[in-house]
Amino acid sequence: MDISLLLSIGGLISLVAGGVAVVVATFRTNTSRVWREEAEAQKTRADRLLNDIEKMTKEIEELKKYTHALVQILSTIDPTRLEDLRLRRGL
């Protein structure tokens, strides 16, 4: 075997290896970018859901206060009716 043939084969092998390395690096970079974007999207969604839960919790508290006020009004108007409602609700 002649030295120029060995150098040609070596050059070809290194060219293929370099190409494979570039393809793998591109794939990994693209994959990490996609996962990063997905993680950011999930965080945004979680933040939005947390905000929704906080709003619903506040609304529930307001409804409890309103219900309590209505029960107070009803108890001053008709205590018997209030007792019937409490028995139905298991209070």
PDB file of N, CA and C in Angstrom:
ATOM      1  N   MET A   1       0.846  -1.172   0.000  1.00  0.00           N
ATOM      2  CA  MET A   1       0.000   0.000   0.000  1.00  0.00           C
ATOM      3  C   MET A   1       0.889   1.232   0.000  1.00  0.00           C
ATOM      4  N   ASP A   2       0.485   2.079  -0.709  1.00  0.00           N
ATOM      5  CA  ASP A   2       1.261   3.299  -0.889  1.00  0.00           C
ATOM      6  C   ASP A   2       0.790   4.370   0.110  1.00  0.00           C
ATOM      7  N   ILE A   3       1.681   5.227   0.518  1.00  0.00           N
ATOM      8  CA  ILE A   3       1.411   6.218   1.554  1.00  0.00           C
ATOM      9  C   ILE A   3       0.328   7.210   1.134  1.00  0.00           C
ATOM     10  N   SER A   4       0.277   7.557  -0.134  1.00  0.00           N
ATOM     11  CA  SER A   4      -0.748   8.507  -0.581  1.00  0.00           C
ATOM     12  C   SER A   4      -2.140   7.901  -0.487  1.00  0.00           C
ATOM     13  N   LEU A   5      -2.250   6.598  -0.720  1.00  0.00           N
ATOM     14  CA  LEU A   5      -3.545   5.919  -0.577  1.00  0.00           C
ATOM     15  C   LEU A   5      -3.978   5.910   0.881  1.00  0.00           C
ATOM     16  N   LEU A   6      -3.033   5.647   1.785  1.00  0.00           N
ATOM     17  CA  LEU A   6      -3.353   5.659   3.213  1.00  0.00           C
ATOM     18  C   LEU A   6      -3.780   7.066   3.657  1.00  0.00           C
ATOM     19  N   LEU A   7      -3.101   8.077   3.168  1.00  0.00           N
ATOM     20  CA  LEU A   7      -3.479   9.442   3.523  1.00  0.00           C
ATOM     21  C   LEU A   7      -4.843   9.810   2.948  1.00  0.00           C
ATOM     22  N   SER A   8      -5.135   9.347   1.778  1.00  0.00           N
ATOM     23  CA  SER A   8      -6.452   9.611   1.181  1.00  0.00           C
ATOM     24  C   SER A   8      -7.561   8.948   1.985  1.00  0.00           C
ATOM     25  N   ILE A   9      -7.328   7.695   2.353  1.00  0.00           N
ATOM     26  CA  ILE A   9      -8.325   6.967   3.155  1.00  0.00           C
ATOM     27  C   ILE A   9      -8.476   7.622   4.527  1.00  0.00           C
ATOM     28  N   GLY A  10      -7.342   8.005   5.130  1.00  0.00           N
ATOM     29  CA  GLY A  10      -7.381   8.691   6.432  1.00  0.00           C
ATOM     30  C   GLY A  10      -8.115  10.006   6.341  1.00  0.00           C
ATOM     31  N   GLY A  11      -7.897  10.757   5.271  1.00  0.00           N
ATOM     32  CA  GLY A  11      -8.596  12.021   5.078  1.00  0.00           C
ATOM     33  C   GLY A  11     -10.083  11.812   4.898  1.00  0.00           C
ATOM     34  N   LEU A  12     -10.427  10.780   4.153  1.00  0.00           N
ATOM     35  CA  LEU A  12     -11.843  10.462   3.946  1.00  0.00           C
ATOM     36  C   LEU A  12     -12.512  10.060   5.254  1.00  0.00           C
ATOM     37  N   ILE A  13     -11.847   9.249   6.043  1.00  0.00           N
ATOM     38  CA  ILE A  13     -12.399   8.810   7.335  1.00  0.00           C
ATOM     39  C   ILE A  13     -12.573  10.013   8.266  1.00  0.00           C
ATOM     40  N   SER A  14     -11.557  10.885   8.290  1.00  0.00           N
ATOM     41  CA  SER A  14     -11.676  12.055   9.169  1.00  0.00           C
ATOM     42  C   SER A  14     -12.791  12.989   8.689  1.00  0.00           C
ATOM     43  N   LEU A  15     -12.987  13.094   7.388  1.00  0.00           N
ATOM     44  CA  LEU A  15     -14.075  13.914   6.848  1.00  0.00           C
ATOM     45  C   LEU A  15     -15.430  13.355   7.265  1.00  0.00           C
ATOM     46  N   VAL A  16     -15.597  12.039   7.170  1.00  0.00           N
ATOM     47  CA  VAL A  16     -16.854  11.399   7.574  1.00  0.00           C
ATOM     48  C   VAL A  16     -17.065  11.559   9.079  1.00  0.00           C
ATOM     49  N   ALA A  17     -15.994  11.348   9.861  1.00  0.00           N
ATOM     50  CA  ALA A  17     -16.110  11.489  11.316  1.00  0.00           C
ATOM     51  C   ALA A  17     -16.474  12.930  11.684  1.00  0.00           C
ATOM     52  N   GLY A  18     -15.878  13.887  11.022  1.00  0.00           N
ATOM     53  CA  GLY A  18     -16.202  15.290  11.273  1.00  0.00           C
ATOM     54  C   GLY A  18     -17.639  15.600  10.914  1.00  0.00           C
ATOM     55  N   GLY A  19     -18.107  15.065   9.799  1.00  0.00           N
ATOM     56  CA  GLY A  19     -19.503  15.257   9.401  1.00  0.00           C
ATOM     57  C   GLY A  19     -20.466  14.673  10.407  1.00  0.00           C
ATOM     58  N   VAL A  20     -20.153  13.472  10.891  1.00  0.00           N
ATOM     59  CA  VAL A  20     -21.008  12.828  11.903  1.00  0.00           C
ATOM     60  C   VAL A  20     -21.013  13.675  13.172  1.00  0.00           C
ATOM     61  N   ALA A  21     -19.844  14.192  13.571  1.00  0.00           N
ATOM     62  CA  ALA A  21     -19.768  15.026  14.772  1.00  0.00           C
ATOM     63  C   ALA A  21     -20.614  16.283  14.621  1.00  0.00           C
ATOM     64  N   VAL A  22     -20.593  16.889  13.448  1.00  0.00           N
ATOM     65  CA  VAL A  22     -21.397  18.089  13.208  1.00  0.00           C
ATOM     66  C   VAL A  22     -22.884  17.758  13.272  1.00  0.00           C
ATOM     67  N   VAL A  23     -23.284  16.652  12.676  1.00  0.00           N
ATOM     68  CA  VAL A  23     -24.695  16.253  12.693  1.00  0.00           C
ATOM     69  C   VAL A  23     -25.148  15.974  14.119  1.00  0.00           C
ATOM     70  N   VAL A  24     -24.339  15.258  14.892  1.00  0.00           N
ATOM     71  CA  VAL A  24     -24.692  14.941  16.286  1.00  0.00           C
ATOM     72  C   VAL A  24     -24.786  16.226  17.111  1.00  0.00           C
ATOM     73  N   ALA A  25     -23.818  17.123  16.938  1.00  0.00           N
ATOM     74  CA  ALA A  25     -23.836  18.384  17.690  1.00  0.00           C
ATOM     75  C   ALA A  25     -25.069  19.212  17.332  1.00  0.00           C
ATOM     76  N   THR A  26     -25.416  19.258  16.062  1.00  0.00           N
ATOM     77  CA  THR A  26     -26.603  20.002  15.628  1.00  0.00           C
ATOM     78  C   THR A  26     -27.856  19.392  16.237  1.00  0.00           C
ATOM     79  N   PHE A  27     -27.945  18.070  16.228  1.00  0.00           N
ATOM     80  CA  PHE A  27     -29.100  17.385  16.800  1.00  0.00           C
ATOM     81  C   PHE A  27     -29.221  17.684  18.291  1.00  0.00           C
ATOM     82  N   ARG A  28     -28.095  17.597  19.011  1.00  0.00           N
ATOM     83  CA  ARG A  28     -28.125  17.859  20.456  1.00  0.00           C
ATOM     84  C   ARG A  28     -28.502  19.303  20.745  1.00  0.00           C
ATOM     85  N   THR A  29     -27.960  20.229  19.995  1.00  0.00           N
ATOM     86  CA  THR A  29     -28.279  21.644  20.194  1.00  0.00           C
ATOM     87  C   THR A  29     -29.759  21.892  19.935  1.00  0.00           C
ATOM     88  N   ASN A  30     -30.256  21.332  18.856  1.00  0.00           N
ATOM     89  CA  ASN A  30     -31.664  21.506  18.512  1.00  0.00           C
ATOM     90  C   ASN A  30     -32.555  20.864  19.577  1.00  0.00           C
ATOM     91  N   THR A  31     -32.176  19.689  20.048  1.00  0.00           N
ATOM     92  CA  THR A  31     -32.960  18.997  21.065  1.00  0.00           C
ATOM     93  C   THR A  31     -32.995  19.799  22.360  1.00  0.00           C
ATOM     94  N   SER A  32     -31.852  20.315  22.775  1.00  0.00           N
ATOM     95  CA  SER A  32     -31.840  21.089  24.020  1.00  0.00           C
ATOM     96  C   SER A  32     -32.657  22.368  23.868  1.00  0.00           C
ATOM     97  N   ARG A  33     -32.628  22.988  22.694  1.00  0.00           N
ATOM     98  CA  ARG A  33     -33.430  24.190  22.465  1.00  0.00           C
ATOM     99  C   ARG A  33     -34.914  23.854  22.556  1.00  0.00           C
ATOM    100  N   VAL A  34     -35.313  22.742  21.956  1.00  0.00           N
ATOM    101  CA  VAL A  34     -36.725  22.333  21.997  1.00  0.00           C
ATOM    102  C   VAL A  34     -37.157  22.061  23.433  1.00  0.00           C
ATOM    103  N   TRP A  35     -36.324  21.343  24.200  1.00  0.00           N
ATOM    104  CA  TRP A  35     -36.672  21.038  25.592  1.00  0.00           C
ATOM    105  C   TRP A  35     -36.720  22.313  26.427  1.00  0.00           C
ATOM    106  N   ARG A  36     -35.821  23.257  26.169  1.00  0.00           N
ATOM    107  CA  ARG A  36     -35.822  24.523  26.899  1.00  0.00           C
ATOM    108  C   ARG A  36     -37.114  25.281  26.609  1.00  0.00           C
ATOM    109  N   GLU A  37     -37.496  25.325  25.338  1.00  0.00           N
ATOM    110  CA  GLU A  37     -38.743  26.012  24.977  1.00  0.00           C
ATOM    111  C   GLU A  37     -39.948  25.342  25.614  1.00  0.00           C
ATOM    112  N   GLU A  38     -39.938  24.021  25.642  1.00  0.00           N
ATOM    113  CA  GLU A  38     -41.045  23.284  26.256  1.00  0.00           C
ATOM    114  C   GLU A  38     -41.114  23.561  27.755  1.00  0.00           C
ATOM    115  N   ALA A  39     -39.948  23.599  28.402  1.00  0.00           N
ATOM    116  CA  ALA A  39     -39.920  23.891  29.843  1.00  0.00           C
ATOM    117  C   ALA A  39     -40.445  25.296  30.124  1.00  0.00           C
ATOM    118  N   GLU A  40     -40.069  26.250  29.298  1.00  0.00           N
ATOM    119  CA  GLU A  40     -40.558  27.618  29.480  1.00  0.00           C
ATOM    120  C   GLU A  40     -42.071  27.685  29.271  1.00  0.00           C
ATOM    121  N   ALA A  41     -42.571  26.942  28.290  1.00  0.00           N
ATOM    122  CA  ALA A  41     -44.022  26.921  28.043  1.00  0.00           C
ATOM    123  C   ALA A  41     -44.758  26.304  29.229  1.00  0.00           C
ATOM    124  N   GLN A  42     -44.208  25.235  29.796  1.00  0.00           N
ATOM    125  CA  GLN A  42     -44.846  24.592  30.950  1.00  0.00           C
ATOM    126  C   GLN A  42     -44.824  25.513  32.169  1.00  0.00           C
ATOM    127  N   LYS A  43     -43.739  26.248  32.354  1.00  0.00           N
ATOM    128  CA  LYS A  43     -43.663  27.188  33.476  1.00  0.00           C
ATOM    129  C   LYS A  43     -44.694  28.294  33.311  1.00  0.00           C
ATOM    130  N   THR A  44     -44.834  28.800  32.100  1.00  0.00           N
ATOM    131  CA  THR A  44     -45.835  29.832  31.831  1.00  0.00           C
ATOM    132  C   THR A  44     -47.236  29.304  32.129  1.00  0.00           C
ATOM    133  N   ARG A  45     -47.498  28.083  31.704  1.00  0.00           N
ATOM    134  CA  ARG A  45     -48.808  27.467  31.952  1.00  0.00           C
ATOM    135  C   ARG A  45     -49.039  27.279  33.453  1.00  0.00           C
ATOM    136  N   ALA A  46     -48.013  26.821  34.168  1.00  0.00           N
ATOM    137  CA  ALA A  46     -48.144  26.626  35.618  1.00  0.00           C
ATOM    138  C   ALA A  46     -48.402  27.950  36.321  1.00  0.00           C
ATOM    139  N   ASP A  47     -47.716  29.004  35.900  1.00  0.00           N
ATOM    140  CA  ASP A  47     -47.940  30.323  36.494  1.00  0.00           C
ATOM    141  C   ASP A  47     -49.368  30.799  36.248  1.00  0.00           C
ATOM    142  N   ARG A  48     -49.863  30.570  35.032  1.00  0.00           N
ATOM    143  CA  ARG A  48     -51.232  30.972  34.711  1.00  0.00           C
ATOM    144  C   ARG A  48     -52.246  30.183  35.546  1.00  0.00           C
ATOM    145  N   LEU A  49     -52.011  28.890  35.692  1.00  0.00           N
ATOM    146  CA  LEU A  49     -52.927  28.065  36.484  1.00  0.00           C
ATOM    147  C   LEU A  49     -52.901  28.465  37.959  1.00  0.00           C
ATOM    148  N   LEU A  50     -51.708  28.785  38.460  1.00  0.00           N
ATOM    149  CA  LEU A  50     -51.603  29.237  39.847  1.00  0.00           C
ATOM    150  C   LEU A  50     -52.381  30.534  40.043  1.00  0.00           C
ATOM    151  N   ASN A  51     -52.275  31.430  39.088  1.00  0.00           N
ATOM    152  CA  ASN A  51     -53.032  32.684  39.153  1.00  0.00           C
ATOM    153  C   ASN A  51     -54.536  32.406  39.145  1.00  0.00           C
ATOM    154  N   ASP A  52     -54.971  31.469  38.302  1.00  0.00           N
ATOM    155  CA  ASP A  52     -56.394  31.104  38.254  1.00  0.00           C
ATOM    156  C   ASP A  52     -56.857  30.525  39.586  1.00  0.00           C
ATOM    157  N   ILE A  53     -56.033  29.685  40.193  1.00  0.00           N
ATOM    158  CA  ILE A  53     -56.398  29.082  41.482  1.00  0.00           C
ATOM    159  C   ILE A  53     -56.502  30.155  42.558  1.00  0.00           C
ATOM    160  N   GLU A  54     -55.577  31.109  42.547  1.00  0.00           N
ATOM    161  CA  GLU A  54     -55.641  32.197  43.534  1.00  0.00           C
ATOM    162  C   GLU A  54     -56.918  33.017  43.357  1.00  0.00           C
ATOM    163  N   LYS A  55     -57.293  33.295  42.101  1.00  0.00           N
ATOM    164  CA  LYS A  55     -58.531  34.042  41.850  1.00  0.00           C
ATOM    165  C   LYS A  55     -59.746  33.258  42.329  1.00  0.00           C
ATOM    166  N   MET A  56     -59.781  31.956  42.063  1.00  0.00           N
ATOM    167  CA  MET A  56     -60.920  31.140  42.491  1.00  0.00           C
ATOM    168  C   MET A  56     -60.999  31.058  44.009  1.00  0.00           C
ATOM    169  N   THR A  57     -59.847  30.986  44.664  1.00  0.00           N
ATOM    170  CA  THR A  57     -59.827  30.945  46.127  1.00  0.00           C
ATOM    171  C   THR A  57     -60.411  32.230  46.699  1.00  0.00           C
ATOM    172  N   LYS A  58     -60.042  33.363  46.128  1.00  0.00           N
ATOM    173  CA  LYS A  58     -60.602  34.638  46.579  1.00  0.00           C
ATOM    174  C   LYS A  58     -62.105  34.688  46.352  1.00  0.00           C
ATOM    175  N   GLU A  59     -62.551  34.198  45.193  1.00  0.00           N
ATOM    176  CA  GLU A  59     -63.982  34.194  44.906  1.00  0.00           C
ATOM    177  C   GLU A  59     -64.735  33.303  45.891  1.00  0.00           C
ATOM    178  N   ILE A  60     -64.162  32.174  46.234  1.00  0.00           N
ATOM    179  CA  ILE A  60     -64.805  31.270  47.201  1.00  0.00           C
ATOM    180  C   ILE A  60     -64.915  31.941  48.560  1.00  0.00           C
ATOM    181  N   GLU A  61     -63.849  32.620  48.978  1.00  0.00           N
ATOM    182  CA  GLU A  61     -63.896  33.331  50.256  1.00  0.00           C
ATOM    183  C   GLU A  61     -64.980  34.407  50.244  1.00  0.00           C
ATOM    184  N   GLU A  62     -65.091  35.134  49.141  1.00  0.00           N
ATOM    185  CA  GLU A  62     -66.126  36.162  49.030  1.00  0.00           C
ATOM    186  C   GLU A  62     -67.518  35.537  49.083  1.00  0.00           C
ATOM    187  N   LEU A  63     -67.681  34.378  48.420  1.00  0.00           N
ATOM    188  CA  LEU A  63     -68.979  33.694  48.456  1.00  0.00           C
ATOM    189  C   LEU A  63     -69.310  33.197  49.863  1.00  0.00           C
ATOM    190  N   LYS A  64     -68.297  32.730  50.591  1.00  0.00           N
ATOM    191  CA  LYS A  64     -68.539  32.298  51.974  1.00  0.00           C
ATOM    192  C   LYS A  64     -69.003  33.464  52.835  1.00  0.00           C
ATOM    193  N   LYS A  65     -68.361  34.624  52.671  1.00  0.00           N
ATOM    194  CA  LYS A  65     -68.754  35.807  53.433  1.00  0.00           C
ATOM    195  C   LYS A  65     -70.175  36.231  53.069  1.00  0.00           C
ATOM    196  N   TYR A  66     -70.455  36.196  51.782  1.00  0.00           N
ATOM    197  CA  TYR A  66     -71.791  36.577  51.319  1.00  0.00           C
ATOM    198  C   TYR A  66     -72.846  35.611  51.862  1.00  0.00           C
ATOM    199  N   THR A  67     -72.555  34.332  51.821  1.00  0.00           N
ATOM    200  CA  THR A  67     -73.481  33.322  52.346  1.00  0.00           C
ATOM    201  C   THR A  67     -73.697  33.521  53.835  1.00  0.00           C
ATOM    202  N   HIS A  68     -72.615  33.802  54.550  1.00  0.00           N
ATOM    203  CA  HIS A  68     -72.745  34.039  55.990  1.00  0.00           C
ATOM    204  C   HIS A  68     -73.658  35.242  56.257  1.00  0.00           C
ATOM    205  N   ALA A  69     -73.476  36.306  55.473  1.00  0.00           N
ATOM    206  CA  ALA A  69     -74.328  37.492  55.634  1.00  0.00           C
ATOM    207  C   ALA A  69     -75.781  37.151  55.335  1.00  0.00           C
ATOM    208  N   LEU A  70     -76.017  36.350  54.302  1.00  0.00           N
ATOM    209  CA  LEU A  70     -77.391  35.955  53.974  1.00  0.00           C
ATOM    210  C   LEU A  70     -78.006  35.108  55.080  1.00  0.00           C
ATOM    211  N   VAL A  71     -77.218  34.229  55.649  1.00  0.00           N
ATOM    212  CA  VAL A  71     -77.719  33.397  56.751  1.00  0.00           C
ATOM    213  C   VAL A  71     -78.073  34.275  57.941  1.00  0.00           C
ATOM    214  N   GLN A  72     -77.245  35.276  58.219  1.00  0.00           N
ATOM    215  CA  GLN A  72     -77.544  36.196  59.325  1.00  0.00           C
ATOM    216  C   GLN A  72     -78.860  36.928  59.075  1.00  0.00           C
ATOM    217  N   ILE A  73     -79.049  37.395  57.843  1.00  0.00           N
ATOM    218  CA  ILE A  73     -80.293  38.099  57.501  1.00  0.00           C
ATOM    219  C   ILE A  73     -81.486  37.168  57.637  1.00  0.00           C
ATOM    220  N   LEU A  74     -81.336  35.958  57.111  1.00  0.00           N
ATOM    221  CA  LEU A  74     -82.431  34.995  57.176  1.00  0.00           C
ATOM    222  C   LEU A  74     -82.755  34.619  58.612  1.00  0.00           C
ATOM    223  N   SER A  75     -81.752  34.498  59.446  1.00  0.00           N
ATOM    224  CA  SER A  75     -82.012  34.109  60.838  1.00  0.00           C
ATOM    225  C   SER A  75     -82.764  35.207  61.589  1.00  0.00           C
ATOM    226  N   THR A  76     -82.565  36.455  61.202  1.00  0.00           N
ATOM    227  CA  THR A  76     -83.333  37.527  61.860  1.00  0.00           C
ATOM    228  C   THR A  76     -84.765  37.571  61.352  1.00  0.00           C
ATOM    229  N   ILE A  77     -84.988  37.130  60.121  1.00  0.00           N
ATOM    230  CA  ILE A  77     -86.337  37.164  59.549  1.00  0.00           C
ATOM    231  C   ILE A  77     -87.146  35.957  59.993  1.00  0.00           C
ATOM    232  N   ASP A  78     -86.575  34.755  59.845  1.00  0.00           N
ATOM    233  CA  ASP A  78     -87.325  33.538  60.150  1.00  0.00           C
ATOM    234  C   ASP A  78     -86.379  32.475  60.722  1.00  0.00           C
ATOM    235  N   PRO A  79     -86.205  32.418  62.041  1.00  0.00           N
ATOM    236  CA  PRO A  79     -85.288  31.453  62.640  1.00  0.00           C
ATOM    237  C   PRO A  79     -85.658  29.992  62.366  1.00  0.00           C
ATOM    238  N   THR A  80     -86.942  29.705  62.216  1.00  0.00           N
ATOM    239  CA  THR A  80     -87.376  28.334  61.941  1.00  0.00           C
ATOM    240  C   THR A  80     -86.897  27.893  60.561  1.00  0.00           C
ATOM    241  N   ARG A  81     -87.029  28.765  59.619  1.00  0.00           N
ATOM    242  CA  ARG A  81     -86.584  28.459  58.259  1.00  0.00           C
ATOM    243  C   ARG A  81     -85.063  28.230  58.226  1.00  0.00           C
ATOM    244  N   LEU A  82     -84.347  29.032  58.991  1.00  0.00           N
ATOM    245  CA  LEU A  82     -82.895  28.872  59.066  1.00  0.00           C
ATOM    246  C   LEU A  82     -82.527  27.501  59.618  1.00  0.00           C
ATOM    247  N   GLU A  83     -83.230  27.068  60.644  1.00  0.00           N
ATOM    248  CA  GLU A  83     -82.944  25.752  61.222  1.00  0.00           C
ATOM    249  C   GLU A  83     -83.227  24.647  60.221  1.00  0.00           C
ATOM    250  N   ASP A  84     -84.286  24.771  59.430  1.00  0.00           N
ATOM    251  CA  ASP A  84     -84.582  23.786  58.401  1.00  0.00           C
ATOM    252  C   ASP A  84     -83.440  23.713  57.365  1.00  0.00           C
ATOM    253  N   LEU A  85     -82.930  24.883  56.978  1.00  0.00           N
ATOM    254  CA  LEU A  85     -81.816  24.904  56.015  1.00  0.00           C
ATOM    255  C   LEU A  85     -80.565  24.254  56.594  1.00  0.00           C
ATOM    256  N   ARG A  86     -80.300  24.528  57.845  1.00  0.00           N
ATOM    257  CA  ARG A  86     -79.116  23.924  58.493  1.00  0.00           C
ATOM    258  C   ARG A  86     -79.240  22.406  58.564  1.00  0.00           C
ATOM    259  N   LEU A  87     -80.426  21.920  58.845  1.00  0.00           N
ATOM    260  CA  LEU A  87     -80.621  20.471  58.924  1.00  0.00           C
ATOM    261  C   LEU A  87     -80.431  19.824  57.555  1.00  0.00           C
ATOM    262  N   ARG A  88     -80.900  20.466  56.486  1.00  0.00           N
ATOM    263  CA  ARG A  88     -80.735  19.924  55.137  1.00  0.00           C
ATOM    264  C   ARG A  88     -79.277  19.890  54.720  1.00  0.00           C
ATOM    265  N   ARG A  89     -78.517  20.884  55.134  1.00  0.00           N
ATOM    266  CA  ARG A  89     -77.113  20.970  54.740  1.00  0.00           C
ATOM    267  C   ARG A  89     -76.212  20.177  55.671  1.00  0.00           C
ATOM    268  N   GLY A  90     -76.740  19.665  56.764  1.00  0.00           N
ATOM    269  CA  GLY A  90     -75.952  18.887  57.692  1.00  0.00           C
ATOM    270  C   GLY A  90     -75.074  19.745  58.588  1.00  0.00           C
ATOM    271  N   LEU A  91     -75.507  20.957  58.893  1.00  0.00           N
ATOM    272  CA  LEU A  91     -74.703  21.846  59.741  1.00  0.00           C
ATOM    273  C   LEU A  91     -75.133  21.800  61.184  1.00  0.00           C
TER     274      LEU A  91
END
